[in-house]
Amino acid sequence: MENDNRTVVKEFILLGLTQSRDIQLLVFVLVLIFYLIILPGNFLIILTIRSDPGLTAPLYFFLGNLAFLDASYSFIVAPRMLVDFLSEKKVISYRGCITQLFFLHFLGGGEGLLLVVMAFDRYIAICRPLHYSTVMNPRACYVLLLALWLGGFVHSIIQVALILHLPFCGPNRLDNFFCDVPQVIKLACTDTFMVELLMVFNSGLMTLLCFLGLLASYAVILCRVHGSSSEGKNKAISTCTTHIIVIFLMFGPGIFIYTRPFRAFPADKVVSLFHTVIFPLLNPVIYTLRNQEVKASMRRLFNQHIA
């Protein structure tokens, strides 16, 4: 008789996004085009912010890190998904699955905390402008950056530690196009009720609390801005509106996936596709399209290389 705590499954078979070859081909083409257009845009944002001496404010420092996090996040799922679209048998090893899950939550958790830091930055800039240069000095920015990376690591390592203690003895068919907590837990050969509660607390509750906290903070900021008569009022409203859009794109799918019991819903795969592939690449672009300074810097950088 096998030891209950020993994992005997060596690989998982991914059932993919859909079983229809026509839909798979359509999604493959659309995602590939989107990926090849938007991903270089994220690296262009990073290059622009690093090369322009005028973009040294904390807002742009964090925007560059957001572009880096989102570009890195998109590498976790999208390339393998595109390859699997062309494969008859979609297989991922047990170690590969755990590694994918770790980086998914490491970078995802870090990005969620980065949005919290960016909200704090906007609050100080708009509500405490006289203290902004003192509070958001370069050293403080690097400390906050280190803290969010550490927070993402702790969040992810908890997820992985809980899953590593589960026995997997079959079946090994994973009903998704990548490895994530809800689908992997379903395959464990034991009662996972307590583990699911811990996962919901670690991912779902934290995601929901961050989301509500961010909305509340931006509501305070917008009320403060609305009652002011400063020249930068429209710019502040535009910046905060952009942040709120990204918050909904980032946290909306996460709340849908992680704040409920781990039961499959028909929309799960579509929501996961947008959450892991589409929205991460769009977030920095949304920021950039509504930021005149970054767009002007990009034009100057482009003209310098053309001249």
C-alpha atoms as a PDB file:
ATOM      1  CA  MET A   1       0.000   0.000   0.000  1.00  0.00           C
ATOM      2  CA  GLU A   2       1.346   3.424  -0.984  1.00  0.00           C
ATOM      3  CA  ASN A   3       2.285   5.940   1.666  1.00  0.00           C
ATOM      4  CA  ASP A   4      -0.533   8.522   1.791  1.00  0.00           C
ATOM      5  CA  ASN A   5       1.903  11.419   1.912  1.00  0.00           C
ATOM      6  CA  ARG A   6       3.958  10.357  -1.095  1.00  0.00           C
ATOM      7  CA  THR A   7       3.337  11.928  -4.491  1.00  0.00           C
ATOM      8  CA  VAL A   8       3.265   9.298  -7.239  1.00  0.00           C
ATOM      9  CA  VAL A   9       1.982  11.510 -10.083  1.00  0.00           C
ATOM     10  CA  LYS A  10       4.994  12.591 -12.135  1.00  0.00           C
ATOM     11  CA  GLU A  11       3.183  14.714 -14.720  1.00  0.00           C
ATOM     12  CA  PHE A  12      -0.128  16.405 -15.395  1.00  0.00           C
ATOM     13  CA  ILE A  13      -2.092  16.352 -18.637  1.00  0.00           C
ATOM     14  CA  LEU A  14      -3.483  19.796 -19.433  1.00  0.00           C
ATOM     15  CA  LEU A  15      -6.912  19.640 -21.049  1.00  0.00           C
ATOM     16  CA  GLY A  16      -6.373  23.106 -22.473  1.00  0.00           C
ATOM     17  CA  LEU A  17      -8.599  26.112 -23.060  1.00  0.00           C
ATOM     18  CA  THR A  18     -11.010  24.283 -25.363  1.00  0.00           C
ATOM     19  CA  GLN A  19     -11.298  20.981 -27.233  1.00  0.00           C
ATOM     20  CA  SER A  20     -12.341  22.664 -30.489  1.00  0.00           C
ATOM     21  CA  ARG A  21      -9.427  22.847 -32.937  1.00  0.00           C
ATOM     22  CA  ASP A  22     -11.009  25.792 -34.758  1.00  0.00           C
ATOM     23  CA  ILE A  23     -11.357  27.825 -31.569  1.00  0.00           C
ATOM     24  CA  GLN A  24      -7.834  26.823 -30.511  1.00  0.00           C
ATOM     25  CA  LEU A  25      -6.458  28.105 -33.825  1.00  0.00           C
ATOM     26  CA  LEU A  26      -8.399  31.363 -33.523  1.00  0.00           C
ATOM     27  CA  VAL A  27      -7.231  31.985 -29.959  1.00  0.00           C
ATOM     28  CA  PHE A  28      -3.657  31.042 -30.924  1.00  0.00           C
ATOM     29  CA  VAL A  29      -3.575  33.645 -33.719  1.00  0.00           C
ATOM     30  CA  LEU A  30      -5.217  36.380 -31.635  1.00  0.00           C
ATOM     31  CA  VAL A  31      -3.015  35.810 -28.571  1.00  0.00           C
ATOM     32  CA  LEU A  32       0.164  35.601 -30.690  1.00  0.00           C
ATOM     33  CA  ILE A  33      -0.634  38.880 -32.481  1.00  0.00           C
ATOM     34  CA  PHE A  34      -1.537  40.573 -29.199  1.00  0.00           C
ATOM     35  CA  TYR A  35       1.594  39.193 -27.534  1.00  0.00           C
ATOM     36  CA  LEU A  36       3.949  40.327 -30.321  1.00  0.00           C
ATOM     37  CA  ILE A  37       2.478  43.841 -30.377  1.00  0.00           C
ATOM     38  CA  ILE A  38       1.960  44.614 -26.685  1.00  0.00           C
ATOM     39  CA  LEU A  39       4.975  42.852 -25.119  1.00  0.00           C
ATOM     40  CA  PRO A  40       7.540  45.040 -26.962  1.00  0.00           C
ATOM     41  CA  GLY A  41       5.458  48.013 -25.835  1.00  0.00           C
ATOM     42  CA  ASN A  42       6.084  47.072 -22.214  1.00  0.00           C
ATOM     43  CA  PHE A  43       9.826  46.904 -22.781  1.00  0.00           C
ATOM     44  CA  LEU A  44       9.628  50.269 -24.590  1.00  0.00           C
ATOM     45  CA  ILE A  45       8.022  51.758 -21.467  1.00  0.00           C
ATOM     46  CA  ILE A  46      10.899  50.428 -19.332  1.00  0.00           C
ATOM     47  CA  LEU A  47      13.510  51.750 -21.788  1.00  0.00           C
ATOM     48  CA  THR A  48      11.826  55.152 -21.982  1.00  0.00           C
ATOM     49  CA  ILE A  49      11.648  55.603 -18.217  1.00  0.00           C
ATOM     50  CA  ARG A  50      15.243  54.479 -17.693  1.00  0.00           C
ATOM     51  CA  SER A  51      16.687  56.652 -20.477  1.00  0.00           C
ATOM     52  CA  ASP A  52      14.826  59.920 -19.793  1.00  0.00           C
ATOM     53  CA  PRO A  53      16.309  62.012 -16.923  1.00  0.00           C
ATOM     54  CA  GLY A  54      12.980  63.838 -16.676  1.00  0.00           C
ATOM     55  CA  LEU A  55      11.124  60.689 -15.618  1.00  0.00           C
ATOM     56  CA  THR A  56      12.743  60.177 -12.232  1.00  0.00           C
ATOM     57  CA  ALA A  57       9.698  60.795 -10.023  1.00  0.00           C
ATOM     58  CA  PRO A  58       8.504  57.842  -7.898  1.00  0.00           C
ATOM     59  CA  LEU A  59       5.395  57.525 -10.088  1.00  0.00           C
ATOM     60  CA  TYR A  60       7.545  56.637 -13.113  1.00  0.00           C
ATOM     61  CA  PHE A  61       9.886  54.475 -11.042  1.00  0.00           C
ATOM     62  CA  PHE A  62       6.929  52.320  -9.998  1.00  0.00           C
ATOM     63  CA  LEU A  63       5.410  52.403 -13.491  1.00  0.00           C
ATOM     64  CA  GLY A  64       8.652  50.968 -14.901  1.00  0.00           C
ATOM     65  CA  ASN A  65       8.556  48.209 -12.298  1.00  0.00           C
ATOM     66  CA  LEU A  66       4.908  47.511 -13.141  1.00  0.00           C
ATOM     67  CA  ALA A  67       5.845  47.081 -16.810  1.00  0.00           C
ATOM     68  CA  PHE A  68       8.674  44.715 -15.809  1.00  0.00           C
ATOM     69  CA  LEU A  69       6.427  42.675 -13.494  1.00  0.00           C
ATOM     70  CA  ASP A  70       3.665  42.400 -16.078  1.00  0.00           C
ATOM     71  CA  ALA A  71       6.054  41.425 -18.868  1.00  0.00           C
ATOM     72  CA  SER A  72       7.605  38.774 -16.607  1.00  0.00           C
ATOM     73  CA  TYR A  73       4.149  37.565 -15.541  1.00  0.00           C
ATOM     74  CA  SER A  74       3.106  37.098 -19.169  1.00  0.00           C
ATOM     75  CA  PHE A  75       6.091  34.761 -19.761  1.00  0.00           C
ATOM     76  CA  ILE A  76       4.789  32.287 -17.168  1.00  0.00           C
ATOM     77  CA  VAL A  77       1.695  31.135 -19.062  1.00  0.00           C
ATOM     78  CA  ALA A  78       1.457  32.575 -22.580  1.00  0.00           C
ATOM     79  CA  PRO A  79       4.486  30.960 -24.339  1.00  0.00           C
ATOM     80  CA  ARG A  80       3.634  27.469 -23.104  1.00  0.00           C
ATOM     81  CA  MET A  81      -0.031  27.977 -23.939  1.00  0.00           C
ATOM     82  CA  LEU A  82       0.869  28.948 -27.516  1.00  0.00           C
ATOM     83  CA  VAL A  83       3.087  25.860 -27.877  1.00  0.00           C
ATOM     84  CA  ASP A  84       0.374  23.615 -26.428  1.00  0.00           C
ATOM     85  CA  PHE A  85      -2.131  24.905 -28.975  1.00  0.00           C
ATOM     86  CA  LEU A  86       0.024  23.219 -31.623  1.00  0.00           C
ATOM     87  CA  SER A  87       0.541  19.993 -29.648  1.00  0.00           C
ATOM     88  CA  GLU A  88      -1.682  16.962 -29.584  1.00  0.00           C
ATOM     89  CA  LYS A  89      -0.643  15.994 -26.045  1.00  0.00           C
ATOM     90  CA  LYS A  90      -0.322  18.802 -23.531  1.00  0.00           C
ATOM     91  CA  VAL A  91       1.826  17.553 -20.647  1.00  0.00           C
ATOM     92  CA  ILE A  92       3.604  19.358 -17.806  1.00  0.00           C
ATOM     93  CA  SER A  93       5.796  17.640 -15.228  1.00  0.00           C
ATOM     94  CA  TYR A  94       4.937  17.754 -11.529  1.00  0.00           C
ATOM     95  CA  ARG A  95       7.986  19.942 -10.830  1.00  0.00           C
ATOM     96  CA  GLY A  96       7.188  22.140 -13.817  1.00  0.00           C
ATOM     97  CA  CYS A  97       3.650  22.570 -12.533  1.00  0.00           C
ATOM     98  CA  ILE A  98       4.821  23.592  -9.056  1.00  0.00           C
ATOM     99  CA  THR A  99       7.387  25.977 -10.569  1.00  0.00           C
ATOM    100  CA  GLN A 100       4.755  27.612 -12.779  1.00  0.00           C
ATOM    101  CA  LEU A 101       2.401  27.947  -9.828  1.00  0.00           C
ATOM    102  CA  PHE A 102       5.149  29.497  -7.674  1.00  0.00           C
ATOM    103  CA  PHE A 103       6.100  32.207 -10.175  1.00  0.00           C
ATOM    104  CA  LEU A 104       2.457  32.884 -11.031  1.00  0.00           C
ATOM    105  CA  HIS A 105       1.695  33.810  -7.427  1.00  0.00           C
ATOM    106  CA  PHE A 106       5.115  35.337  -6.725  1.00  0.00           C
ATOM    107  CA  LEU A 107       4.794  37.900  -9.517  1.00  0.00           C
ATOM    108  CA  GLY A 108       1.024  38.236  -9.164  1.00  0.00           C
ATOM    109  CA  GLY A 109       1.289  38.897  -5.428  1.00  0.00           C
ATOM    110  CA  GLY A 110       4.109  41.357  -6.027  1.00  0.00           C
ATOM    111  CA  GLU A 111       2.048  43.225  -8.600  1.00  0.00           C
ATOM    112  CA  GLY A 112      -0.929  43.482  -6.272  1.00  0.00           C
ATOM    113  CA  LEU A 113       1.311  44.973  -3.575  1.00  0.00           C
ATOM    114  CA  LEU A 114       2.874  47.300  -6.162  1.00  0.00           C
ATOM    115  CA  LEU A 115      -0.573  48.734  -6.922  1.00  0.00           C
ATOM    116  CA  VAL A 116      -0.976  49.355  -3.174  1.00  0.00           C
ATOM    117  CA  VAL A 117       2.373  51.184  -3.140  1.00  0.00           C
ATOM    118  CA  MET A 118       1.345  53.262  -6.164  1.00  0.00           C
ATOM    119  CA  ALA A 119      -1.886  54.220  -4.396  1.00  0.00           C
ATOM    120  CA  PHE A 120       0.155  55.295  -1.351  1.00  0.00           C
ATOM    121  CA  ASP A 121       2.403  57.338  -3.648  1.00  0.00           C
ATOM    122  CA  ARG A 122      -0.609  59.150  -5.174  1.00  0.00           C
ATOM    123  CA  TYR A 123      -2.124  59.755  -1.735  1.00  0.00           C
ATOM    124  CA  ILE A 124       1.040  61.460  -0.463  1.00  0.00           C
ATOM    125  CA  ALA A 125       1.475  63.427  -3.723  1.00  0.00           C
ATOM    126  CA  ILE A 126      -2.098  64.759  -3.735  1.00  0.00           C
ATOM    127  CA  CYS A 127      -3.128  64.901  -0.064  1.00  0.00           C
ATOM    128  CA  ARG A 128       0.267  65.689   1.508  1.00  0.00           C
ATOM    129  CA  PRO A 129       2.172  67.503  -1.265  1.00  0.00           C
ATOM    130  CA  LEU A 130       4.472  69.416   1.121  1.00  0.00           C
ATOM    131  CA  HIS A 131       5.733  66.150   2.600  1.00  0.00           C
ATOM    132  CA  TYR A 132       5.998  64.255  -0.698  1.00  0.00           C
ATOM    133  CA  SER A 133       9.719  64.735  -1.379  1.00  0.00           C
ATOM    134  CA  THR A 134      10.534  63.770   2.209  1.00  0.00           C
ATOM    135  CA  VAL A 135       8.314  60.690   2.424  1.00  0.00           C
ATOM    136  CA  MET A 136       8.846  59.348  -1.108  1.00  0.00           C
ATOM    137  CA  ASN A 137      12.608  59.782  -1.285  1.00  0.00           C
ATOM    138  CA  PRO A 138      14.696  57.357  -3.386  1.00  0.00           C
ATOM    139  CA  ARG A 139      15.630  55.237  -0.374  1.00  0.00           C
ATOM    140  CA  ALA A 140      11.972  54.870   0.642  1.00  0.00           C
ATOM    141  CA  CYS A 141      11.054  53.853  -2.913  1.00  0.00           C
ATOM    142  CA  TYR A 142      13.641  51.079  -2.931  1.00  0.00           C
ATOM    143  CA  VAL A 143      12.541  49.885   0.515  1.00  0.00           C
ATOM    144  CA  LEU A 144       8.917  49.720  -0.682  1.00  0.00           C
ATOM    145  CA  LEU A 145      10.037  47.869  -3.816  1.00  0.00           C
ATOM    146  CA  LEU A 146      11.965  45.331  -1.735  1.00  0.00           C
ATOM    147  CA  ALA A 147       8.983  44.921   0.592  1.00  0.00           C
ATOM    148  CA  LEU A 148       6.561  44.145  -2.237  1.00  0.00           C
ATOM    149  CA  TRP A 149       8.944  41.581  -3.767  1.00  0.00           C
ATOM    150  CA  LEU A 150       9.315  39.969  -0.336  1.00  0.00           C
ATOM    151  CA  GLY A 151       5.543  40.038   0.163  1.00  0.00           C
ATOM    152  CA  GLY A 152       4.986  38.322  -3.180  1.00  0.00           C
ATOM    153  CA  PHE A 153       7.555  35.663  -2.269  1.00  0.00           C
ATOM    154  CA  VAL A 154       5.959  34.929   1.119  1.00  0.00           C
ATOM    155  CA  HIS A 155       2.494  34.744  -0.439  1.00  0.00           C
ATOM    156  CA  SER A 156       3.697  32.328  -3.108  1.00  0.00           C
ATOM    157  CA  ILE A 157       5.794  30.108  -0.865  1.00  0.00           C
ATOM    158  CA  ILE A 158       2.741  29.537   1.374  1.00  0.00           C
ATOM    159  CA  GLN A 159       0.762  28.343  -1.649  1.00  0.00           C
ATOM    160  CA  VAL A 160       3.537  25.995  -2.752  1.00  0.00           C
ATOM    161  CA  ALA A 161       4.182  24.636   0.754  1.00  0.00           C
ATOM    162  CA  LEU A 162       0.528  23.693   1.184  1.00  0.00           C
ATOM    163  CA  ILE A 163       0.406  21.908  -2.182  1.00  0.00           C
ATOM    164  CA  LEU A 164       3.698  20.052  -1.647  1.00  0.00           C
ATOM    165  CA  HIS A 165       2.168  18.355   1.412  1.00  0.00           C
ATOM    166  CA  LEU A 166      -0.714  16.954  -0.642  1.00  0.00           C
ATOM    167  CA  PRO A 167      -0.512  13.411  -2.076  1.00  0.00           C
ATOM    168  CA  PHE A 168      -1.183  13.038  -5.807  1.00  0.00           C
ATOM    169  CA  CYS A 169      -1.792   9.438  -6.866  1.00  0.00           C
ATOM    170  CA  GLY A 170      -4.108   9.968  -9.842  1.00  0.00           C
ATOM    171  CA  PRO A 171      -5.999  11.054 -11.849  1.00  0.00           C
ATOM    172  CA  ASN A 172      -3.624  13.541 -13.424  1.00  0.00           C
ATOM    173  CA  ARG A 173      -5.847  15.371 -15.937  1.00  0.00           C
ATOM    174  CA  LEU A 174      -5.778  19.102 -15.147  1.00  0.00           C
ATOM    175  CA  ASP A 175      -8.825  20.927 -16.500  1.00  0.00           C
ATOM    176  CA  ASN A 176      -7.034  24.117 -17.523  1.00  0.00           C
ATOM    177  CA  PHE A 177      -4.310  25.423 -19.841  1.00  0.00           C
ATOM    178  CA  PHE A 178      -1.857  26.096 -16.983  1.00  0.00           C
ATOM    179  CA  CYS A 179      -1.212  25.053 -13.381  1.00  0.00           C
ATOM    180  CA  ASP A 180      -3.023  26.984 -10.675  1.00  0.00           C
ATOM    181  CA  VAL A 181      -4.152  26.270  -7.147  1.00  0.00           C
ATOM    182  CA  PRO A 182      -7.884  25.537  -7.654  1.00  0.00           C
ATOM    183  CA  GLN A 183      -7.354  22.908 -10.370  1.00  0.00           C
ATOM    184  CA  VAL A 184      -4.285  21.248  -8.797  1.00  0.00           C
ATOM    185  CA  ILE A 185      -5.953  20.844  -5.395  1.00  0.00           C
ATOM    186  CA  LYS A 186      -8.861  18.966  -6.992  1.00  0.00           C
ATOM    187  CA  LEU A 187      -6.480  16.158  -8.005  1.00  0.00           C
ATOM    188  CA  ALA A 188      -5.149  15.455  -4.509  1.00  0.00           C
ATOM    189  CA  CYS A 189      -5.911  11.984  -3.085  1.00  0.00           C
ATOM    190  CA  THR A 190      -7.129  13.288   0.266  1.00  0.00           C
ATOM    191  CA  ASP A 191      -9.677  15.573   1.867  1.00  0.00           C
ATOM    192  CA  THR A 192      -8.613  19.117   0.896  1.00  0.00           C
ATOM    193  CA  PHE A 193     -11.282  21.123   2.754  1.00  0.00           C
ATOM    194  CA  MET A 194      -8.860  22.731   5.237  1.00  0.00           C
ATOM    195  CA  VAL A 195      -6.243  23.348   2.557  1.00  0.00           C
ATOM    196  CA  GLU A 196      -8.850  25.042   0.377  1.00  0.00           C
ATOM    197  CA  LEU A 197      -9.849  27.287   3.295  1.00  0.00           C
ATOM    198  CA  LEU A 198      -6.204  28.260   3.806  1.00  0.00           C
ATOM    199  CA  MET A 199      -5.794  28.919   0.087  1.00  0.00           C
ATOM    200  CA  VAL A 200      -8.937  31.064  -0.019  1.00  0.00           C
ATOM    201  CA  PHE A 201      -7.641  33.032   2.965  1.00  0.00           C
ATOM    202  CA  ASN A 202      -4.128  33.441   1.517  1.00  0.00           C
ATOM    203  CA  SER A 203      -5.230  34.385  -2.008  1.00  0.00           C
ATOM    204  CA  GLY A 204      -8.911  35.260  -1.995  1.00  0.00           C
ATOM    205  CA  LEU A 205      -9.281  37.242   1.224  1.00  0.00           C
ATOM    206  CA  MET A 206      -6.029  39.145   0.713  1.00  0.00           C
ATOM    207  CA  THR A 207      -7.020  39.991  -2.866  1.00  0.00           C
ATOM    208  CA  LEU A 208     -10.444  41.214  -1.753  1.00  0.00           C
ATOM    209  CA  LEU A 209      -9.064  43.291   1.123  1.00  0.00           C
ATOM    210  CA  CYS A 210      -6.434  44.911  -1.110  1.00  0.00           C
ATOM    211  CA  PHE A 211      -9.096  45.655  -3.717  1.00  0.00           C
ATOM    212  CA  LEU A 212     -11.484  47.271  -1.231  1.00  0.00           C
ATOM    213  CA  GLY A 213      -8.642  49.158   0.446  1.00  0.00           C
ATOM    214  CA  LEU A 214      -7.432  50.530  -2.878  1.00  0.00           C
ATOM    215  CA  LEU A 215     -10.918  51.635  -3.898  1.00  0.00           C
ATOM    216  CA  ALA A 216     -11.376  53.375  -0.540  1.00  0.00           C
ATOM    217  CA  SER A 217      -8.010  55.137  -0.804  1.00  0.00           C
ATOM    218  CA  TYR A 218      -8.710  56.407  -4.318  1.00  0.00           C
ATOM    219  CA  ALA A 219     -12.190  57.539  -3.227  1.00  0.00           C
ATOM    220  CA  VAL A 220     -10.510  59.665  -0.534  1.00  0.00           C
ATOM    221  CA  ILE A 221      -8.004  61.015  -3.054  1.00  0.00           C
ATOM    222  CA  LEU A 222     -10.682  61.881  -5.624  1.00  0.00           C
ATOM    223  CA  CYS A 223     -12.810  63.627  -2.991  1.00  0.00           C
ATOM    224  CA  ARG A 224      -9.760  65.642  -1.954  1.00  0.00           C
ATOM    225  CA  VAL A 225      -8.959  66.530  -5.561  1.00  0.00           C
ATOM    226  CA  HIS A 226     -12.584  67.406  -6.376  1.00  0.00           C
ATOM    227  CA  GLY A 227     -12.680  69.905  -3.543  1.00  0.00           C
ATOM    228  CA  SER A 228      -9.444  71.625  -4.582  1.00  0.00           C
ATOM    229  CA  SER A 229      -8.868  74.357  -7.155  1.00  0.00           C
ATOM    230  CA  SER A 230      -5.269  73.608  -8.075  1.00  0.00           C
ATOM    231  CA  GLU A 231      -3.963  73.713 -11.638  1.00  0.00           C
ATOM    232  CA  GLY A 232      -3.068  70.015 -11.565  1.00  0.00           C
ATOM    233  CA  LYS A 233      -6.615  68.942 -10.724  1.00  0.00           C
ATOM    234  CA  ASN A 234      -7.398  67.417 -14.135  1.00  0.00           C
ATOM    235  CA  LYS A 235      -4.053  65.634 -14.274  1.00  0.00           C
ATOM    236  CA  ALA A 236      -4.567  64.167 -10.796  1.00  0.00           C
ATOM    237  CA  ILE A 237      -8.069  62.964 -11.688  1.00  0.00           C
ATOM    238  CA  SER A 238      -6.775  61.416 -14.919  1.00  0.00           C
ATOM    239  CA  THR A 239      -3.954  59.613 -13.082  1.00  0.00           C
ATOM    240  CA  CYS A 240      -6.257  58.268 -10.368  1.00  0.00           C
ATOM    241  CA  THR A 241      -8.844  57.148 -12.930  1.00  0.00           C
ATOM    242  CA  THR A 242      -6.138  55.206 -14.764  1.00  0.00           C
ATOM    243  CA  HIS A 243      -5.051  53.542 -11.521  1.00  0.00           C
ATOM    244  CA  ILE A 244      -8.649  52.537 -10.747  1.00  0.00           C
ATOM    245  CA  ILE A 245      -9.072  50.966 -14.212  1.00  0.00           C
ATOM    246  CA  VAL A 246      -5.929  48.871 -13.682  1.00  0.00           C
ATOM    247  CA  ILE A 247      -7.107  47.879 -10.182  1.00  0.00           C
ATOM    248  CA  PHE A 248     -10.335  46.470 -11.639  1.00  0.00           C
ATOM    249  CA  LEU A 249      -8.407  44.639 -14.378  1.00  0.00           C
ATOM    250  CA  MET A 250      -5.938  43.198 -11.884  1.00  0.00           C
ATOM    251  CA  PHE A 251      -8.171  42.319  -8.942  1.00  0.00           C
ATOM    252  CA  GLY A 252     -11.511  41.591 -10.637  1.00  0.00           C
ATOM    253  CA  PRO A 253     -10.509  38.220 -12.158  1.00  0.00           C
ATOM    254  CA  GLY A 254      -8.475  37.352  -9.049  1.00  0.00           C
ATOM    255  CA  ILE A 255     -11.507  37.869  -6.813  1.00  0.00           C
ATOM    256  CA  PHE A 256     -13.643  35.750  -9.150  1.00  0.00           C
ATOM    257  CA  ILE A 257     -11.131  32.878  -9.124  1.00  0.00           C
ATOM    258  CA  TYR A 258      -9.835  32.813  -5.543  1.00  0.00           C
ATOM    259  CA  THR A 259     -12.538  34.137  -3.194  1.00  0.00           C
ATOM    260  CA  ARG A 260     -15.000  31.270  -3.659  1.00  0.00           C
ATOM    261  CA  PRO A 261     -14.844  27.517  -2.999  1.00  0.00           C
ATOM    262  CA  PHE A 262     -12.753  25.736  -5.597  1.00  0.00           C
ATOM    263  CA  ARG A 263     -15.579  24.575  -7.833  1.00  0.00           C
ATOM    264  CA  ALA A 264     -15.433  24.807 -11.592  1.00  0.00           C
ATOM    265  CA  PHE A 265     -17.528  27.396 -13.417  1.00  0.00           C
ATOM    266  CA  PRO A 266     -17.956  27.637 -17.208  1.00  0.00           C
ATOM    267  CA  ALA A 267     -16.326  31.087 -17.260  1.00  0.00           C
ATOM    268  CA  ASP A 268     -13.213  30.047 -15.285  1.00  0.00           C
ATOM    269  CA  LYS A 269     -10.952  29.407 -18.270  1.00  0.00           C
ATOM    270  CA  VAL A 270     -11.933  32.604 -20.091  1.00  0.00           C
ATOM    271  CA  VAL A 271     -11.395  34.673 -16.930  1.00  0.00           C
ATOM    272  CA  SER A 272      -8.037  32.936 -16.384  1.00  0.00           C
ATOM    273  CA  LEU A 273      -6.989  33.720 -19.978  1.00  0.00           C
ATOM    274  CA  PHE A 274      -7.598  37.427 -19.462  1.00  0.00           C
ATOM    275  CA  HIS A 275      -6.097  37.346 -15.967  1.00  0.00           C
ATOM    276  CA  THR A 276      -2.827  35.633 -16.931  1.00  0.00           C
ATOM    277  CA  VAL A 277      -2.235  36.755 -20.542  1.00  0.00           C
ATOM    278  CA  ILE A 278      -4.284  39.744 -21.709  1.00  0.00           C
ATOM    279  CA  PHE A 279      -4.645  42.119 -18.752  1.00  0.00           C
ATOM    280  CA  PRO A 280      -1.012  41.939 -17.494  1.00  0.00           C
ATOM    281  CA  LEU A 281       0.263  43.156 -20.850  1.00  0.00           C
ATOM    282  CA  LEU A 282      -2.395  45.870 -21.064  1.00  0.00           C
ATOM    283  CA  ASN A 283      -1.853  47.423 -17.632  1.00  0.00           C
ATOM    284  CA  PRO A 284       1.340  49.430 -18.338  1.00  0.00           C
ATOM    285  CA  VAL A 285      -0.010  50.427 -21.771  1.00  0.00           C
ATOM    286  CA  ILE A 286      -3.148  51.864 -20.149  1.00  0.00           C
ATOM    287  CA  TYR A 287      -0.995  53.901 -17.790  1.00  0.00           C
ATOM    288  CA  THR A 288       1.173  55.155 -20.639  1.00  0.00           C
ATOM    289  CA  LEU A 289      -1.660  56.145 -22.990  1.00  0.00           C
ATOM    290  CA  ARG A 290      -3.052  58.439 -20.289  1.00  0.00           C
ATOM    291  CA  ASN A 291       0.313  59.905 -19.244  1.00  0.00           C
ATOM    292  CA  GLN A 292       1.421  62.830 -21.380  1.00  0.00           C
ATOM    293  CA  GLU A 293       4.989  62.932 -20.001  1.00  0.00           C
ATOM    294  CA  VAL A 294       5.719  59.291 -20.884  1.00  0.00           C
ATOM    295  CA  LYS A 295       4.153  59.638 -24.347  1.00  0.00           C
ATOM    296  CA  ALA A 296       6.210  62.783 -25.040  1.00  0.00           C
ATOM    297  CA  SER A 297       9.378  61.009 -23.867  1.00  0.00           C
ATOM    298  CA  MET A 298       8.614  58.055 -26.150  1.00  0.00           C
ATOM    299  CA  ARG A 299       8.234  60.387 -29.127  1.00  0.00           C
ATOM    300  CA  ARG A 300      11.584  62.028 -28.338  1.00  0.00           C
ATOM    301  CA  LEU A 301      13.257  58.629 -28.013  1.00  0.00           C
ATOM    302  CA  PHE A 302      11.752  57.507 -31.311  1.00  0.00           C
ATOM    303  CA  ASN A 303      12.804  60.691 -33.109  1.00  0.00           C
ATOM    304  CA  GLN A 304      16.360  60.359 -31.781  1.00  0.00           C
ATOM    305  CA  HIS A 305      16.692  56.873 -33.286  1.00  0.00           C
ATOM    306  CA  ILE A 306      15.111  57.950 -36.573  1.00  0.00           C
ATOM    307  CA  ALA A 307      17.318  61.027 -36.979  1.00  0.00           C
END
